[in-house]
Amino acid sequence: MTVTVNYEKHPCFNVKVKGQFGRVHLPVAPKCNIQCNYCNRKYDCVNESRPGVTSTVLSPAQAVLYMDKVLEKEPKITVAGIAGPGDPFANAQETLETMRLLRNRYPELILCLATNGLGLKPEYIEEIAKIGVSHVTVTINAIDPEITRKVYRWVRDGKTVYQGRKGAELLLQRQLEAVKGLKAAGITVKINCIIIPGINDHHAVEVAKKMSELGADLFNAMALYPTAETPFEDLIEPDALTMAKIRHECEQYLPQMRHCTRCRADAVGLLGADQSEEFHGCLISCSKTLVPLESKNRLYVAVASYEGILVNQHLGQADQFEIWEKTDQGFHMVEERLAPDKGTGFERWQKLADALKDCRAVLAASMGDNPKEILTKCGVLPVEMNGFIEEGLKAVYEGGDLGKLKGKRQKAECGVKQEGCGGDGLGCG
């Protein structure tokens, strides 16, 4: 496939076209691997525009469906980006899958990511370059660990959480490596630097200087947006004169972005003429839609059911799953397949994913976050619903409103020994 992208049509990187072309942010990345002292990602007010806010979260397939609908209504959109509401590379599976799907569907679309850099490993840089992601923004608020430690409450690498200087040093190391790697891969890099009074406002020029040395292309000094229920909520937003002075100093080293609108994680439209409110209903509708999955190797759907009529069993309580398929004559049960032994935690869900490798989805009355994450990573769509099996099968194979399938969830007390849970809490996720 030949990628034919006009890179000049990115309104964030090219101020000359900000009124001609627009962008859409696809909220497929809910998890974050750091906690900034200025960030509160609570959902939601559609009228509130700040990074980290979104009305809902989409799956990769739902994101493509939403992209289809946005482009139908607003052909001026030339950029699709992922900017949260967490970090794209704390959700690498979902991020990469979304980018692949978009590139295959829209070869001319500019693909863009915004990250803190912590999880942007070399293999991910290689992959996004292969996909054709052309623009990446990295938020770097300091290059001095003593300043960095004041900006973040904690940094999480895998399952290990770091605080203080150790966390700051790790984050800075990864950020510098990420910028170097991105430039080596030929990707355009913008640096976001949040200007925090009394913390790093005197230091931004040093960040710009270092980023220039690493080959970054654009620098965006962003005024702090004081957010309620954060450690920095009582700080005063830097005024226009202060920001102008900082940008002038930083411009010695890198071109400045002066037209940033501090976009939401689900922003859509032209810069300065955002249409998030207009597309809000469409976004919510797409988040409730089960998008049909096409796969020659995944012909079936697994169902957790007590009697073979209703989807009414908790995933962790199922001793076996009914395996269904769609034929020209309708839906038919193929076989019953035993579930892995209970009480083995994460291992059980990996075994279940392996056992369902020919299934595109599994339907259950409820399931925990751990099995959902493992199944999703292995290509099995986890669907929580209550009702007739046939309705769930129609939604998976043909597409439908997930909201209409959800009923009253079965309750399961995590950490309490009960049937199907194993007593470790992992049976419920």
Protein backbone atom coordinates (compact mmCIF):
# COMPACT_ATOMS: atom_id res chain seq x y z
CA MET A 1 0.00 0.00 0.00
CA THR A 2 1.27 3.46 -0.91
CA VAL A 3 0.65 6.17 1.67
CA THR A 4 -0.15 9.49 -0.04
CA VAL A 5 -0.28 12.01 2.81
CA ASN A 6 -0.12 15.77 2.39
CA TYR A 7 1.75 16.68 5.58
CA GLU A 8 1.06 20.37 5.13
CA LYS A 9 -2.59 19.77 6.02
CA HIS A 10 -1.93 19.25 9.74
CA PRO A 11 -3.45 22.33 11.43
CA CYS A 12 -1.54 21.85 14.70
CA PHE A 13 1.84 21.76 13.00
CA ASN A 14 1.05 24.29 10.26
CA VAL A 15 -0.63 27.49 11.50
CA LYS A 16 -1.31 28.61 7.93
CA VAL A 17 -4.02 25.94 7.48
CA LYS A 18 -5.66 26.02 10.92
CA GLY A 19 -8.84 27.51 9.45
CA GLN A 20 -8.89 25.21 6.42
CA PHE A 21 -8.34 21.73 7.81
CA GLY A 22 -9.38 20.03 11.02
CA ARG A 23 -8.59 17.11 13.28
CA VAL A 24 -10.41 14.45 15.27
CA HIS A 25 -9.12 12.95 18.49
CA LEU A 26 -10.15 9.34 18.98
CA PRO A 27 -10.47 8.43 22.70
CA VAL A 28 -9.25 4.84 22.62
CA ALA A 29 -6.58 5.11 25.36
CA PRO A 30 -8.17 5.32 28.85
CA LYS A 31 -5.25 4.13 30.99
CA CYS A 32 -2.33 6.35 31.98
CA ASN A 33 1.13 5.45 33.28
CA ILE A 34 1.89 8.70 35.12
CA GLN A 35 -0.01 11.04 37.41
CA CYS A 36 0.56 14.70 36.67
CA ASN A 37 -0.10 17.19 39.44
CA TYR A 38 -2.16 19.31 37.05
CA CYS A 39 -4.32 16.55 35.56
CA ASN A 40 -7.78 15.37 36.53
CA ARG A 41 -9.30 13.03 33.97
CA LYS A 42 -12.77 12.81 35.49
CA TYR A 43 -15.55 12.54 32.94
CA ASP A 44 -17.28 14.75 31.75
CA CYS A 45 -18.73 18.06 30.72
CA VAL A 46 -18.97 18.43 26.97
CA ASN A 47 -18.49 22.20 27.34
CA GLU A 48 -15.20 21.80 29.20
CA SER A 49 -12.19 21.83 26.89
CA ARG A 50 -8.96 20.61 28.39
CA PRO A 51 -6.61 17.67 27.80
CA GLY A 52 -7.59 14.40 29.42
CA VAL A 53 -11.34 14.94 29.17
CA THR A 54 -13.65 12.79 27.05
CA SER A 55 -17.30 11.83 27.09
CA THR A 56 -16.61 8.15 26.45
CA VAL A 57 -13.99 5.64 25.33
CA LEU A 58 -14.05 3.84 21.98
CA SER A 59 -12.65 0.50 20.89
CA PRO A 60 -10.45 0.56 17.76
CA ALA A 61 -13.32 -0.72 15.60
CA GLN A 62 -15.70 1.86 17.09
CA ALA A 63 -13.11 4.57 16.43
CA VAL A 64 -13.10 3.70 12.72
CA LEU A 65 -16.91 3.74 12.68
CA TYR A 66 -16.85 7.18 14.32
CA MET A 67 -14.22 8.36 11.82
CA ASP A 68 -16.50 7.28 8.98
CA LYS A 69 -19.37 9.33 10.37
CA VAL A 70 -17.23 12.38 11.11
CA LEU A 71 -15.81 12.48 7.60
CA GLU A 72 -19.30 12.17 6.13
CA LYS A 73 -20.36 15.35 7.94
CA GLU A 74 -17.05 17.25 7.98
CA PRO A 75 -14.79 16.58 4.97
CA LYS A 76 -12.31 19.23 6.17
CA ILE A 77 -10.92 16.72 8.70
CA THR A 78 -7.44 15.71 7.54
CA VAL A 79 -5.92 14.44 10.80
CA ALA A 80 -6.84 11.58 13.12
CA GLY A 81 -5.02 11.57 16.43
CA ILE A 82 -4.97 9.76 19.74
CA ALA A 83 -4.41 12.00 22.75
CA GLY A 84 -5.90 10.03 25.61
CA PRO A 85 -7.78 10.38 27.78
CA GLY A 86 -4.78 8.50 29.21
CA ASP A 87 -1.59 7.83 27.28
CA PRO A 88 -1.53 6.05 23.90
CA PHE A 89 1.34 3.80 24.94
CA ALA A 90 -0.20 2.82 28.24
CA ASN A 91 -2.79 1.40 25.83
CA ALA A 92 -0.42 0.29 23.10
CA GLN A 93 -2.57 -2.56 21.77
CA GLU A 94 -5.60 -0.32 21.23
CA THR A 95 -3.49 2.55 19.87
CA LEU A 96 -1.63 0.49 17.30
CA GLU A 97 -4.76 -1.36 16.18
CA THR A 98 -6.63 1.92 15.70
CA MET A 99 -3.77 3.37 13.65
CA ARG A 100 -3.58 0.22 11.48
CA LEU A 101 -7.31 0.21 10.81
CA LEU A 102 -7.34 3.90 9.91
CA ARG A 103 -4.34 3.63 7.62
CA ASN A 104 -5.89 0.71 5.73
CA ARG A 105 -9.20 2.53 5.36
CA TYR A 106 -7.89 6.05 4.71
CA PRO A 107 -4.45 5.97 3.03
CA GLU A 108 -4.39 9.77 2.69
CA LEU A 109 -5.22 10.52 6.34
CA ILE A 110 -2.56 12.15 8.55
CA LEU A 111 -2.07 10.01 11.66
CA CYS A 112 -0.92 11.66 14.86
CA LEU A 113 -0.22 10.68 18.49
CA ALA A 114 0.36 12.64 21.70
CA THR A 115 2.24 10.92 24.53
CA ASN A 116 4.25 11.54 27.69
CA GLY A 117 6.96 9.30 26.21
CA LEU A 118 7.29 6.88 29.12
CA GLY A 119 5.88 3.89 27.26
CA LEU A 120 7.10 4.77 23.77
CA LYS A 121 9.46 1.82 23.38
CA PRO A 122 11.73 1.39 20.32
CA GLU A 123 9.54 -1.43 18.98
CA TYR A 124 6.51 0.86 19.11
CA ILE A 125 8.39 3.60 17.25
CA GLU A 126 9.29 1.07 14.58
CA GLU A 127 5.67 -0.04 14.34
CA ILE A 128 4.11 3.42 14.09
CA ALA A 129 6.66 4.39 11.45
CA LYS A 130 5.71 1.28 9.50
CA ILE A 131 2.01 2.15 9.78
CA GLY A 132 2.68 5.70 8.62
CA VAL A 133 2.11 7.76 11.75
CA SER A 134 3.83 10.97 10.67
CA HIS A 135 3.43 13.32 13.66
CA VAL A 136 4.02 12.67 17.37
CA THR A 137 3.76 15.14 20.24
CA VAL A 138 5.74 14.43 23.41
CA THR A 139 4.94 16.36 26.59
CA ILE A 140 8.20 17.19 28.39
CA ASN A 141 7.89 19.66 31.25
CA ALA A 142 11.51 19.69 32.42
CA ILE A 143 14.93 18.23 31.70
CA ASP A 144 16.08 18.58 35.31
CA PRO A 145 14.86 15.65 37.50
CA GLU A 146 14.58 17.96 40.51
CA ILE A 147 12.03 20.03 38.63
CA THR A 148 10.37 17.02 37.02
CA ARG A 149 9.69 15.40 40.40
CA LYS A 150 7.58 18.42 41.39
CA VAL A 151 5.32 17.95 38.38
CA TYR A 152 4.36 14.29 38.83
CA ARG A 153 2.87 12.38 41.75
CA TRP A 154 4.07 9.02 40.45
CA VAL A 155 5.36 7.17 37.39
CA ARG A 156 4.41 3.56 36.64
CA ASP A 157 6.63 1.29 34.56
CA GLY A 158 4.84 -2.01 34.08
CA LYS A 159 3.61 -2.97 37.55
CA THR A 160 6.23 -0.93 39.42
CA VAL A 161 5.35 2.54 40.68
CA TYR A 162 8.11 5.12 41.22
CA GLN A 163 7.88 8.40 43.08
CA GLY A 164 10.21 11.33 43.66
CA ARG A 165 13.52 11.66 41.91
CA LYS A 166 13.70 8.02 40.85
CA GLY A 167 10.45 8.32 38.94
CA ALA A 168 11.52 11.64 37.46
CA GLU A 169 14.82 10.22 36.24
CA LEU A 170 13.11 7.23 34.63
CA LEU A 171 10.55 9.42 32.88
CA LEU A 172 13.15 11.85 31.59
CA GLN A 173 15.37 9.03 30.32
CA ARG A 174 12.47 7.49 28.39
CA GLN A 175 11.40 10.85 27.00
CA LEU A 176 14.83 11.70 25.64
CA GLU A 177 15.14 8.22 24.12
CA ALA A 178 11.68 8.59 22.57
CA VAL A 179 12.49 11.90 20.87
CA LYS A 180 15.76 10.51 19.52
CA GLY A 181 14.03 7.39 18.25
CA LEU A 182 11.19 9.29 16.61
CA LYS A 183 13.56 11.57 14.74
CA ALA A 184 15.70 8.63 13.66
CA ALA A 185 12.53 7.11 12.19
CA GLY A 186 11.79 10.30 10.23
CA ILE A 187 8.75 11.30 12.29
CA THR A 188 7.87 14.96 12.85
CA VAL A 189 8.06 15.77 16.58
CA LYS A 190 6.35 18.53 18.54
CA ILE A 191 7.21 19.15 22.18
CA ASN A 192 4.50 20.26 24.58
CA CYS A 193 5.74 21.99 27.72
CA ILE A 194 3.16 22.97 30.34
CA ILE A 195 4.21 26.28 31.91
CA ILE A 196 3.63 25.97 35.67
CA PRO A 197 4.22 29.13 37.74
CA GLY A 198 6.90 28.66 40.38
CA ILE A 199 7.73 25.17 39.11
CA ASN A 200 9.16 25.29 35.59
CA ASP A 201 8.32 28.73 34.16
CA HIS A 202 11.99 29.71 34.45
CA HIS A 203 13.12 26.43 32.90
CA ALA A 204 11.15 26.14 29.64
CA VAL A 205 13.94 27.68 27.56
CA GLU A 206 16.29 24.90 28.73
CA VAL A 207 13.75 22.33 27.59
CA ALA A 208 13.51 24.01 24.18
CA LYS A 209 17.30 24.11 23.86
CA LYS A 210 17.67 20.40 24.65
CA MET A 211 14.84 19.41 22.31
CA SER A 212 16.46 21.43 19.53
CA GLU A 213 19.66 19.47 20.05
CA LEU A 214 17.68 16.23 19.67
CA GLY A 215 16.13 17.41 16.40
CA ALA A 216 12.58 18.25 17.49
CA ASP A 217 10.59 20.27 14.96
CA LEU A 218 8.17 22.42 16.94
CA PHE A 219 7.75 23.66 20.52
CA ASN A 220 4.43 24.36 22.21
CA ALA A 221 4.66 26.25 25.49
CA MET A 222 1.22 25.76 27.01
CA ALA A 223 -0.13 27.79 29.90
CA LEU A 224 -1.16 25.72 32.91
CA TYR A 225 -4.91 25.13 33.11
CA PRO A 226 -5.61 25.05 36.89
CA THR A 227 -7.91 22.07 37.42
CA ALA A 228 -10.03 21.31 40.46
CA GLU A 229 -9.05 18.44 42.76
CA THR A 230 -5.39 18.47 41.72
CA PRO A 231 -2.29 19.56 43.68
CA PHE A 232 -1.91 22.55 41.33
CA GLU A 233 -5.54 23.69 41.50
CA ASP A 234 -4.66 26.88 43.41
CA LEU A 235 -1.94 28.02 41.04
CA ILE A 236 -2.67 30.98 38.76
CA GLU A 237 -2.74 30.46 35.02
CA PRO A 238 0.16 32.33 33.39
CA ASP A 239 -1.04 35.49 31.65
CA ALA A 240 -0.58 36.33 27.98
CA LEU A 241 2.42 38.61 28.61
CA THR A 242 4.26 35.89 30.53
CA MET A 243 3.57 33.32 27.84
CA ALA A 244 4.68 35.70 25.10
CA LYS A 245 7.99 36.26 26.90
CA ILE A 246 8.60 32.53 27.38
CA ARG A 247 7.78 31.75 23.76
CA HIS A 248 10.10 34.50 22.57
CA GLU A 249 12.96 33.01 24.63
CA CYS A 250 12.23 29.48 23.41
CA GLU A 251 12.05 30.63 19.81
CA GLN A 252 15.83 31.03 19.83
CA TYR A 253 15.94 27.25 19.58
CA LEU A 254 12.69 25.99 18.02
CA PRO A 255 9.73 27.36 16.05
CA GLN A 256 6.80 28.07 18.36
CA MET A 257 3.22 26.87 18.20
CA ARG A 258 1.11 29.83 19.31
CA HIS A 259 -2.33 28.65 18.23
CA CYS A 260 -2.86 25.64 20.52
CA THR A 261 -6.43 25.32 21.88
CA ARG A 262 -5.67 22.75 24.64
CA CYS A 263 -7.88 20.11 23.04
CA ARG A 264 -10.02 17.48 24.69
CA ALA A 265 -9.26 13.81 24.14
CA ASP A 266 -12.37 13.64 21.92
CA ALA A 267 -11.95 17.01 20.17
CA VAL A 268 -13.21 17.28 16.61
CA GLY A 269 -13.34 20.07 14.03
CA LEU A 270 -11.20 23.06 13.14
CA LEU A 271 -8.89 24.64 15.70
CA GLY A 272 -10.78 27.50 17.27
CA ALA A 273 -14.07 26.17 15.90
CA ASP A 274 -14.41 22.91 17.77
CA GLN A 275 -17.41 20.71 17.01
CA SER A 276 -17.21 18.33 19.98
CA GLU A 277 -20.68 19.31 21.15
CA GLU A 278 -22.13 18.84 17.67
CA PHE A 279 -20.63 15.35 17.37
CA HIS A 280 -21.30 14.35 20.99
CA GLY A 281 -24.37 12.27 20.18
CA CYS A 282 -22.56 10.52 17.34
CA LEU A 283 -19.60 9.73 19.61
CA ILE A 284 -21.82 8.23 22.30
CA SER A 285 -23.78 6.22 19.74
CA CYS A 286 -20.59 4.74 18.28
CA SER A 287 -19.34 3.80 21.76
CA LYS A 288 -22.48 1.67 22.23
CA THR A 289 -22.27 -0.01 18.85
CA LEU A 290 -20.86 -3.48 18.39
CA VAL A 291 -18.97 -3.26 15.13
CA PRO A 292 -19.04 -6.50 13.11
CA LEU A 293 -15.63 -8.15 13.10
CA GLU A 294 -14.41 -9.73 9.90
CA SER A 295 -12.04 -12.65 10.35
CA LYS A 296 -11.62 -15.77 8.25
CA ASN A 297 -10.01 -17.53 11.20
CA ARG A 298 -12.58 -16.47 13.81
CA LEU A 299 -15.90 -17.87 12.67
CA TYR A 300 -17.53 -18.48 16.03
CA VAL A 301 -18.89 -16.73 19.13
CA ALA A 302 -18.63 -18.20 22.63
CA VAL A 303 -21.57 -17.82 25.03
CA ALA A 304 -21.83 -18.15 28.82
CA SER A 305 -25.34 -19.46 29.45
CA TYR A 306 -27.10 -21.63 32.03
CA GLU A 307 -29.73 -23.11 29.70
CA GLY A 308 -28.72 -22.26 26.11
CA ILE A 309 -31.38 -19.60 25.54
CA LEU A 310 -30.18 -16.55 27.45
CA VAL A 311 -26.81 -14.91 28.04
CA ASN A 312 -27.09 -14.97 31.83
CA GLN A 313 -23.88 -16.34 33.35
CA HIS A 314 -20.84 -14.56 34.81
CA LEU A 315 -17.70 -15.34 32.82
CA GLY A 316 -15.87 -16.59 35.92
CA GLN A 317 -18.70 -18.95 36.86
CA ALA A 318 -18.90 -20.69 33.51
CA ASP A 319 -17.78 -24.34 33.49
CA GLN A 320 -18.28 -24.49 29.75
CA PHE A 321 -19.11 -22.23 26.83
CA GLU A 322 -21.54 -22.77 24.01
CA ILE A 323 -19.88 -22.17 20.64
CA TRP A 324 -22.15 -20.62 18.00
CA GLU A 325 -21.78 -19.81 14.31
CA LYS A 326 -23.71 -17.90 11.68
CA THR A 327 -24.80 -19.73 8.53
CA ASP A 328 -27.12 -18.95 5.64
CA GLN A 329 -29.88 -20.65 7.62
CA GLY A 330 -29.32 -18.58 10.75
CA PHE A 331 -27.42 -19.11 14.02
CA HIS A 332 -26.52 -22.61 15.16
CA MET A 333 -24.68 -24.02 18.15
CA VAL A 334 -21.62 -25.96 17.04
CA GLU A 335 -20.45 -27.50 20.32
CA GLU A 336 -19.94 -27.04 24.04
CA ARG A 337 -16.36 -26.26 25.05
CA LEU A 338 -15.00 -26.71 28.58
CA ALA A 339 -13.67 -23.67 30.42
CA PRO A 340 -10.17 -23.79 31.98
CA ASP A 341 -9.90 -24.80 35.65
CA LYS A 342 -10.97 -22.15 38.15
CA GLY A 343 -8.78 -20.50 40.74
CA THR A 344 -5.66 -19.87 38.63
CA GLY A 345 -6.09 -16.12 38.14
CA PHE A 346 -4.47 -14.57 35.09
CA GLU A 347 -3.35 -17.98 33.82
CA ARG A 348 -6.98 -19.03 33.52
CA TRP A 349 -7.87 -16.13 31.27
CA GLN A 350 -4.89 -16.71 29.03
CA LYS A 351 -5.93 -20.36 28.68
CA LEU A 352 -9.48 -19.24 27.92
CA ALA A 353 -8.22 -16.88 25.22
CA ASP A 354 -6.24 -19.77 23.71
CA ALA A 355 -9.29 -22.03 23.88
CA LEU A 356 -11.36 -19.41 22.06
CA LYS A 357 -8.81 -18.55 19.38
CA ASP A 358 -11.37 -19.43 16.68
CA CYS A 359 -13.98 -17.10 18.26
CA ARG A 360 -14.41 -13.44 17.46
CA ALA A 361 -16.31 -12.67 20.68
CA VAL A 362 -17.48 -14.09 23.99
CA LEU A 363 -20.88 -13.14 25.47
CA ALA A 364 -21.35 -13.16 29.24
CA ALA A 365 -23.65 -11.47 31.75
CA SER A 366 -20.62 -9.82 33.36
CA MET A 367 -16.85 -10.13 33.55
CA GLY A 368 -13.94 -8.40 35.25
CA ASP A 369 -11.34 -6.04 33.85
CA ASN A 370 -8.51 -8.61 33.83
CA PRO A 371 -10.24 -11.18 31.60
CA LYS A 372 -11.57 -8.42 29.36
CA GLU A 373 -8.08 -7.02 28.85
CA ILE A 374 -6.49 -10.42 28.17
CA LEU A 375 -9.26 -11.54 25.80
CA THR A 376 -9.13 -8.26 23.89
CA LYS A 377 -5.36 -8.47 23.45
CA CYS A 378 -5.81 -11.98 22.05
CA GLY A 379 -8.41 -10.84 19.52
CA VAL A 380 -11.56 -12.00 21.32
CA LEU A 381 -14.14 -9.25 21.81
CA PRO A 382 -15.58 -9.38 25.37
CA VAL A 383 -19.29 -8.49 25.41
CA GLU A 384 -21.28 -7.99 28.61
CA MET A 385 -25.02 -8.38 28.08
CA ASN A 386 -28.22 -9.91 29.39
CA GLY A 387 -30.88 -11.34 27.12
CA PHE A 388 -31.46 -13.77 24.30
CA ILE A 389 -28.36 -15.34 22.79
CA GLU A 390 -29.61 -14.61 19.27
CA GLU A 391 -29.74 -10.87 19.96
CA GLY A 392 -26.11 -10.91 21.08
CA LEU A 393 -25.09 -12.92 18.04
CA LYS A 394 -26.82 -10.46 15.72
CA ALA A 395 -24.94 -7.58 17.37
CA VAL A 396 -21.57 -9.30 16.96
CA TYR A 397 -22.02 -10.54 13.41
CA GLU A 398 -24.10 -7.71 12.00
CA GLY A 399 -23.45 -4.73 14.28
CA GLY A 400 -25.83 -3.22 16.80
CA ASP A 401 -26.36 -0.98 19.81
CA LEU A 402 -24.55 -2.49 22.77
CA GLY A 403 -26.58 -0.33 25.15
CA LYS A 404 -29.75 -2.23 24.23
CA LEU A 405 -28.15 -5.53 25.21
CA LYS A 406 -26.96 -4.56 28.68
CA GLY A 407 -29.21 -5.50 31.55
CA LYS A 408 -28.80 -5.56 35.30
CA ARG A 409 -25.34 -6.91 36.07
CA GLN A 410 -24.80 -9.88 38.32
CA LYS A 411 -22.93 -8.90 41.43
CA ALA A 412 -19.67 -10.60 42.34
CA GLU A 413 -17.70 -9.65 45.40
CA CYS A 414 -14.04 -9.56 44.40
CA GLY A 415 -11.68 -10.97 46.98
CA VAL A 416 -14.41 -13.15 48.51
CA LYS A 417 -14.29 -16.86 47.81
CA GLN A 418 -17.27 -17.95 45.74
CA GLU A 419 -18.15 -20.23 42.86
CA GLY A 420 -16.04 -19.41 39.82
CA CYS A 421 -13.80 -16.89 41.52
CA GLY A 422 -11.18 -19.05 43.22
CA GLY A 423 -11.11 -16.72 46.21
CA ASP A 424 -8.32 -14.57 44.82
CA GLY A 425 -10.50 -11.90 43.29
CA LEU A 426 -9.02 -12.71 39.89
CA GLY A 427 -11.98 -14.84 38.87
CA CYS A 428 -14.00 -11.63 38.77
CA GLY A 429 -11.19 -9.70 37.12
